[in-house]
C-alpha atoms as a PDB file:
ATOM      1  CA  ASP A   1     -29.764  18.751   8.507  1.00  0.00           C
ATOM      2  CA  ASP A   2     -32.465  20.858   6.653  1.00  0.00           C
ATOM      3  CA  ASN A   3     -34.587  17.864   6.861  1.00  0.00           C
ATOM      4  CA  GLY A   4     -34.614  18.260  10.308  1.00  0.00           C
ATOM      5  CA  THR A   5     -32.826  14.568  10.254  1.00  0.00           C
ATOM      6  CA  LEU A   6     -30.481  14.420  13.519  1.00  0.00           C
ATOM      7  CA  TRP A   7     -27.190  12.905  12.739  1.00  0.00           C
ATOM      8  CA  ALA A   8     -25.285  10.707  15.655  1.00  0.00           C
ATOM      9  CA  HIS A   9     -21.407   9.801  15.296  1.00  0.00           C
ATOM     10  CA  VAL A  10     -20.283   7.125  17.925  1.00  0.00           C
ATOM     11  CA  SER A  11     -17.276   5.561  18.184  1.00  0.00           C
ATOM     12  CA  VAL A  12     -16.813   1.678  19.213  1.00  0.00           C
ATOM     13  CA  SER A  13     -13.718   0.328  20.332  1.00  0.00           C
ATOM     14  CA  GLU A  14     -13.333  -3.327  20.684  1.00  0.00           C
ATOM     15  CA  SER A  15     -10.431  -5.774  21.721  1.00  0.00           C
ATOM     16  CA  VAL A  16      -8.413  -7.525  19.231  1.00  0.00           C
ATOM     17  CA  LYS A  17      -6.110 -10.336  19.444  1.00  0.00           C
ATOM     18  CA  VAL A  18      -3.200 -10.003  17.447  1.00  0.00           C
ATOM     19  CA  TYR A  19      -0.517 -12.899  17.529  1.00  0.00           C
ATOM     20  CA  LYS A  20       2.868 -11.926  17.866  1.00  0.00           C
ATOM     21  CA  PRO A  21       5.197 -11.914  14.334  1.00  0.00           C
ATOM     22  CA  GLY A  22       7.455 -14.334  15.788  1.00  0.00           C
ATOM     23  CA  ASP A  23       5.098 -16.965  16.488  1.00  0.00           C
ATOM     24  CA  VAL A  24       4.735 -17.513  12.759  1.00  0.00           C
ATOM     25  CA  ASN A  25       6.661 -18.433   9.878  1.00  0.00           C
ATOM     26  CA  LYS A  26       4.600 -17.323   7.174  1.00  0.00           C
ATOM     27  CA  VAL A  27       5.139 -13.878   5.663  1.00  0.00           C
ATOM     28  CA  VAL A  28       3.077 -11.478   3.375  1.00  0.00           C
ATOM     29  CA  GLY A  29       5.350  -9.257   1.634  1.00  0.00           C
ATOM     30  CA  VAL A  30       4.184  -6.048   0.380  1.00  0.00           C
ATOM     31  CA  ASP A  31       5.622  -3.714  -1.726  1.00  0.00           C
ATOM     32  CA  LEU A  32       4.300   0.178  -3.073  1.00  0.00           C
ATOM     33  CA  GLY A  33       5.145   1.686  -5.631  1.00  0.00           C
ATOM     34  CA  GLU A  34       4.420   4.044  -8.553  1.00  0.00           C
ATOM     35  CA  ARG A  35       4.698   1.158 -11.530  1.00  0.00           C
ATOM     36  CA  VAL A  36       3.109  -1.023  -9.613  1.00  0.00           C
ATOM     37  CA  PHE A  37       0.595   0.249  -7.042  1.00  0.00           C
ATOM     38  CA  TRP A  38       0.719  -2.692  -4.570  1.00  0.00           C
ATOM     39  CA  ALA A  39       2.405  -6.166  -5.128  1.00  0.00           C
ATOM     40  CA  ALA A  40       1.701  -8.816  -1.954  1.00  0.00           C
ATOM     41  CA  ALA A  41       3.563 -11.982  -2.070  1.00  0.00           C
ATOM     42  CA  VAL A  42       2.526 -14.997   0.240  1.00  0.00           C
ATOM     43  CA  VAL A  43       5.900 -16.611   1.447  1.00  0.00           C
ATOM     44  CA  GLY A  44       6.089 -19.796   3.698  1.00  0.00           C
ATOM     45  CA  SER A  45       8.641 -22.487   4.383  1.00  0.00           C
ATOM     46  CA  GLU A  46       8.026 -23.932   0.979  1.00  0.00           C
ATOM     47  CA  GLY A  47       8.416 -20.564  -0.649  1.00  0.00           C
ATOM     48  CA  VAL A  48       5.848 -18.236  -2.611  1.00  0.00           C
ATOM     49  CA  GLU A  49       2.361 -19.576  -2.407  1.00  0.00           C
ATOM     50  CA  ALA A  50       0.419 -16.875  -3.755  1.00  0.00           C
ATOM     51  CA  VAL A  51       1.147 -13.574  -5.634  1.00  0.00           C
ATOM     52  CA  GLU A  52      -1.485 -10.384  -6.265  1.00  0.00           C
ATOM     53  CA  MET A  53      -0.407  -7.085  -7.724  1.00  0.00           C
ATOM     54  CA  GLU A  54      -2.279  -3.817  -9.538  1.00  0.00           C
ATOM     55  CA  SER A  55      -0.545  -1.964 -11.901  1.00  0.00           C
ATOM     56  CA  GLY A  56      -0.126   1.948 -10.969  1.00  0.00           C
ATOM     57  CA  ARG A  57      -0.918   2.879 -14.296  1.00  0.00           C
ATOM     58  CA  GLU A  58      -4.307   3.712 -14.167  1.00  0.00           C
ATOM     59  CA  PHE A  59      -3.998   5.475 -10.782  1.00  0.00           C
ATOM     60  CA  ARG A  60      -1.607   7.489 -12.021  1.00  0.00           C
ATOM     61  CA  HIS A  61      -3.288   8.074 -15.172  1.00  0.00           C
ATOM     62  CA  TYR A  62      -6.370   9.064 -13.668  1.00  0.00           C
ATOM     63  CA  ARG A  63      -5.366  11.372 -10.988  1.00  0.00           C
ATOM     64  CA  GLU A  64      -3.031  13.133 -13.748  1.00  0.00           C
ATOM     65  CA  GLN A  65      -7.059  13.695 -15.640  1.00  0.00           C
ATOM     66  CA  LEU A  66      -8.282  15.145 -12.688  1.00  0.00           C
ATOM     67  CA  GLU A  67      -5.442  17.360 -12.231  1.00  0.00           C
ATOM     68  CA  GLN A  68      -5.292  18.346 -15.925  1.00  0.00           C
ATOM     69  CA  ARG A  69      -8.941  19.171 -15.836  1.00  0.00           C
ATOM     70  CA  ARG A  70      -8.974  21.407 -12.578  1.00  0.00           C
ATOM     71  CA  LYS A  71      -5.856  23.266 -14.532  1.00  0.00           C
ATOM     72  CA  THR A  72      -7.867  23.662 -17.546  1.00  0.00           C
ATOM     73  CA  LEU A  73     -10.999  24.858 -15.881  1.00  0.00           C
ATOM     74  CA  SER A  74      -9.141  27.562 -14.471  1.00  0.00           C
ATOM     75  CA  GLU A  75      -7.232  28.556 -17.666  1.00  0.00           C
ATOM     76  CA  ASN A  76     -10.687  29.402 -18.861  1.00  0.00           C
ATOM     77  CA  GLY A  77     -11.770  31.121 -16.065  1.00  0.00           C
ATOM     78  CA  ASP A  78     -14.062  28.659 -15.216  1.00  0.00           C
ATOM     79  CA  LEU A  79     -14.466  29.358 -11.286  1.00  0.00           C
ATOM     80  CA  GLN A  80     -17.462  27.264 -11.097  1.00  0.00           C
ATOM     81  CA  GLY A  81     -15.959  24.272 -12.671  1.00  0.00           C
ATOM     82  CA  VAL A  82     -12.991  24.509 -10.487  1.00  0.00           C
ATOM     83  CA  ARG A  83     -15.085  24.684  -7.369  1.00  0.00           C
ATOM     84  CA  GLU A  84     -16.811  21.652  -8.389  1.00  0.00           C
ATOM     85  CA  THR A  85     -13.632  19.653  -8.463  1.00  0.00           C
ATOM     86  CA  ARG A  86     -11.954  20.771  -5.402  1.00  0.00           C
ATOM     87  CA  GLY A  87     -10.769  17.487  -3.872  1.00  0.00           C
ATOM     88  CA  ASP A  88     -11.870  14.957  -6.259  1.00  0.00           C
ATOM     89  CA  ARG A  89      -8.077  14.060  -6.699  1.00  0.00           C
ATOM     90  CA  GLU A  90      -7.739  13.323  -3.197  1.00  0.00           C
ATOM     91  CA  ARG A  91     -10.956  11.547  -2.928  1.00  0.00           C
ATOM     92  CA  TYR A  92     -10.227   9.336  -5.503  1.00  0.00           C
ATOM     93  CA  THR A  93      -6.682   8.458  -3.766  1.00  0.00           C
ATOM     94  CA  GLU A  94      -8.286   7.809  -0.718  1.00  0.00           C
ATOM     95  CA  GLN A  95     -11.182   5.425  -2.297  1.00  0.00           C
ATOM     96  CA  GLU A  96      -8.105   3.478  -4.210  1.00  0.00           C
ATOM     97  CA  THR A  97      -5.947   3.066  -1.250  1.00  0.00           C
ATOM     98  CA  HIS A  98      -8.908   1.894   0.630  1.00  0.00           C
ATOM     99  CA  THR A  99      -9.452  -0.543  -2.086  1.00  0.00           C
ATOM    100  CA  ALA A 100      -5.675  -1.713  -2.228  1.00  0.00           C
ATOM    101  CA  THR A 101      -5.251  -2.064   1.415  1.00  0.00           C
ATOM    102  CA  ARG A 102      -8.435  -4.362   1.813  1.00  0.00           C
ATOM    103  CA  ARG A 103      -7.093  -6.456  -0.804  1.00  0.00           C
ATOM    104  CA  ILE A 104      -3.959  -6.815   0.905  1.00  0.00           C
ATOM    105  CA  VAL A 105      -5.282  -7.794   4.227  1.00  0.00           C
ATOM    106  CA  ASP A 106      -7.869  -9.946   2.779  1.00  0.00           C
ATOM    107  CA  LEU A 107      -5.259 -11.955   0.870  1.00  0.00           C
ATOM    108  CA  ALA A 108      -3.365 -12.179   4.409  1.00  0.00           C
ATOM    109  CA  ALA A 109      -6.264 -12.991   6.344  1.00  0.00           C
ATOM    110  CA  ASN A 110      -7.177 -15.635   3.713  1.00  0.00           C
ATOM    111  CA  ASN A 111      -3.065 -17.194   4.464  1.00  0.00           C
ATOM    112  CA  ALA A 112      -3.320 -16.805   8.343  1.00  0.00           C
ATOM    113  CA  PRO A 113      -1.556 -17.141  10.260  1.00  0.00           C
ATOM    114  CA  CYS A 114       1.064 -14.585   8.958  1.00  0.00           C
ATOM    115  CA  VAL A 115       2.750 -11.667   9.285  1.00  0.00           C
ATOM    116  CA  ILE A 116       2.234  -8.405   7.044  1.00  0.00           C
ATOM    117  CA  ARG A 117       5.723  -6.931   6.032  1.00  0.00           C
ATOM    118  CA  PHE A 118       6.151  -3.518   3.951  1.00  0.00           C
ATOM    119  CA  GLU A 119       9.277  -1.204   4.059  1.00  0.00           C
ATOM    120  CA  ASP A 120       9.589   1.637   5.937  1.00  0.00           C
ATOM    121  CA  LEU A 121       9.770   4.419   3.804  1.00  0.00           C
ATOM    122  CA  THR A 122       9.449   6.913   6.440  1.00  0.00           C
ATOM    123  CA  ASP A 123      12.529   9.226   4.973  1.00  0.00           C
ATOM    124  CA  TYR A 124      11.618   8.388   1.445  1.00  0.00           C
ATOM    125  CA  ARG A 125      11.374  11.846   0.362  1.00  0.00           C
ATOM    126  CA  GLU A 126      14.767  13.099   1.810  1.00  0.00           C
ATOM    127  CA  THR A 127      16.963  10.047   0.574  1.00  0.00           C
ATOM    128  CA  ALA A 128      15.373   9.264  -2.896  1.00  0.00           C
ATOM    129  CA  ALA A 129      17.194  10.495  -5.690  1.00  0.00           C
ATOM    130  CA  ASP A 130      14.409  11.754  -7.795  1.00  0.00           C
ATOM    131  CA  PRO A 131      10.995  11.174  -5.404  1.00  0.00           C
ATOM    132  CA  ILE A 132       7.101  11.242  -5.931  1.00  0.00           C
ATOM    133  CA  HIS A 133       6.264  13.585  -3.849  1.00  0.00           C
ATOM    134  CA  ASP A 134       2.305  13.066  -4.286  1.00  0.00           C
ATOM    135  CA  TRP A 135       3.044   9.197  -3.464  1.00  0.00           C
ATOM    136  CA  PRO A 136       0.484   8.347  -1.093  1.00  0.00           C
ATOM    137  CA  HIS A 137       2.665   5.656   0.360  1.00  0.00           C
ATOM    138  CA  GLY A 138       1.873   7.149   4.303  1.00  0.00           C
ATOM    139  CA  MET A 139      -1.880   6.671   3.583  1.00  0.00           C
ATOM    140  CA  LEU A 140      -1.586   3.077   2.228  1.00  0.00           C
ATOM    141  CA  THR A 141       1.124   2.390   5.303  1.00  0.00           C
ATOM    142  CA  GLU A 142      -1.537   3.763   7.922  1.00  0.00           C
ATOM    143  CA  GLN A 143      -4.488   2.246   6.318  1.00  0.00           C
ATOM    144  CA  LEU A 144      -2.925  -0.967   6.009  1.00  0.00           C
ATOM    145  CA  ALA A 145      -1.964  -0.976   9.584  1.00  0.00           C
ATOM    146  CA  TYR A 146      -5.246  -0.794  10.962  1.00  0.00           C
ATOM    147  CA  LYS A 147      -7.336  -2.929   8.981  1.00  0.00           C
ATOM    148  CA  ALA A 148      -4.348  -5.578   9.353  1.00  0.00           C
ATOM    149  CA  THR A 149      -4.756  -4.930  13.104  1.00  0.00           C
ATOM    150  CA  GLU A 150      -8.343  -5.246  13.265  1.00  0.00           C
ATOM    151  CA  ALA A 151      -8.218  -8.298  11.313  1.00  0.00           C
ATOM    152  CA  GLY A 152      -5.949  -9.958  14.225  1.00  0.00           C
ATOM    153  CA  LEU A 153      -2.536  -9.758  11.754  1.00  0.00           C
ATOM    154  CA  PRO A 154       0.515  -8.547  12.836  1.00  0.00           C
ATOM    155  CA  VAL A 155       2.418  -5.475  10.675  1.00  0.00           C
ATOM    156  CA  GLU A 156       6.086  -4.856  10.467  1.00  0.00           C
ATOM    157  CA  ALA A 157       7.685  -2.138   8.902  1.00  0.00           C
ATOM    158  CA  ILE A 158      11.520  -3.099   7.610  1.00  0.00           C
ATOM    159  CA  ASP A 159      14.253  -1.375   6.834  1.00  0.00           C
ATOM    160  CA  PRO A 160      14.034  -0.942   3.107  1.00  0.00           C
ATOM    161  CA  ALA A 161      17.750  -1.729   2.584  1.00  0.00           C
ATOM    162  CA  GLU A 162      18.782  -4.470   0.210  1.00  0.00           C
ATOM    163  CA  THR A 163      15.173  -5.930   0.391  1.00  0.00           C
ATOM    164  CA  SER A 164      15.291  -6.145  -3.419  1.00  0.00           C
ATOM    165  CA  ILE A 165      18.456  -8.419  -3.224  1.00  0.00           C
ATOM    166  CA  THR A 166      17.470 -10.758  -0.323  1.00  0.00           C
ATOM    167  CA  CYS A 167      16.050 -13.893  -0.665  1.00  0.00           C
ATOM    168  CA  ARG A 168      12.662 -14.355   0.920  1.00  0.00           C
ATOM    169  CA  LYS A 169      12.986 -17.898   1.392  1.00  0.00           C
ATOM    170  CA  CYS A 170      16.762 -18.577   2.634  1.00  0.00           C
ATOM    171  CA  ASP A 171      17.543 -14.863   3.573  1.00  0.00           C
ATOM    172  CA  THR A 172      20.828 -14.660   1.506  1.00  0.00           C
ATOM    173  CA  THR A 173      21.697 -11.365   0.118  1.00  0.00           C
ATOM    174  CA  ASN A 174      23.146 -11.019  -3.267  1.00  0.00           C
ATOM    175  CA  PRO A 175      23.000  -8.198  -5.431  1.00  0.00           C
ATOM    176  CA  ALA A 176      23.772 -10.862  -8.347  1.00  0.00           C
ATOM    177  CA  PHE A 177      20.815 -12.574  -7.556  1.00  0.00           C
ATOM    178  CA  ARG A 178      18.545  -9.396  -9.362  1.00  0.00           C
ATOM    179  CA  SER A 179      18.545  -8.852 -13.274  1.00  0.00           C
ATOM    180  CA  GLY A 180      16.353  -5.707 -13.855  1.00  0.00           C
ATOM    181  CA  SER A 181      12.978  -6.706 -12.433  1.00  0.00           C
ATOM    182  CA  ASN A 182      13.824 -10.466 -12.516  1.00  0.00           C
ATOM    183  CA  PHE A 183      14.931 -12.325  -9.376  1.00  0.00           C
ATOM    184  CA  GLU A 184      16.438 -15.630  -8.874  1.00  0.00           C
ATOM    185  CA  CYS A 185      18.255 -16.933  -5.842  1.00  0.00           C
ATOM    186  CA  TRP A 186      21.691 -19.500  -6.633  1.00  0.00           C
ATOM    187  CA  ASP A 187      21.273 -20.743  -3.294  1.00  0.00           C
ATOM    188  CA  CYS A 188      17.651 -22.186  -3.359  1.00  0.00           C
END
């Protein structure tokens, strides 16, 4: 840099032993969304052992504020202000997703051995009736996968079909189990 400081970026690799998902009976189910930014439930042989979640309200609100600020600066002709806010929304999104995925992996690590499962929403934008185009699902799943692997925890992306109407304890699927946001398995 201008001060004569020399910076070096070094890549470090190390082997990590990750156990096989089939070797454990405890699952940390992760749901990523807009209303609830993330929710994670630790499910063992006795049922749900722990749940952590974070509302998406603040995340969505702050990103909208950043977008509105940039729009207002542009409408007022403040090009310097527009330049200064370039990337703010993206940096905020990346920080929040890193914080969320760290909390999820810490929850799983505290309940290890377990497997982290989340819905594979790769084709979400093509299949959803009203998709959220700037939802950072890919960023969240990518960060979750590498942090979990680093912690020695296996990760599985599962088919999202019928996950909201399937009991996590007995695997019975029934649409009548769900009433709005409430879920109750009649078999368990």
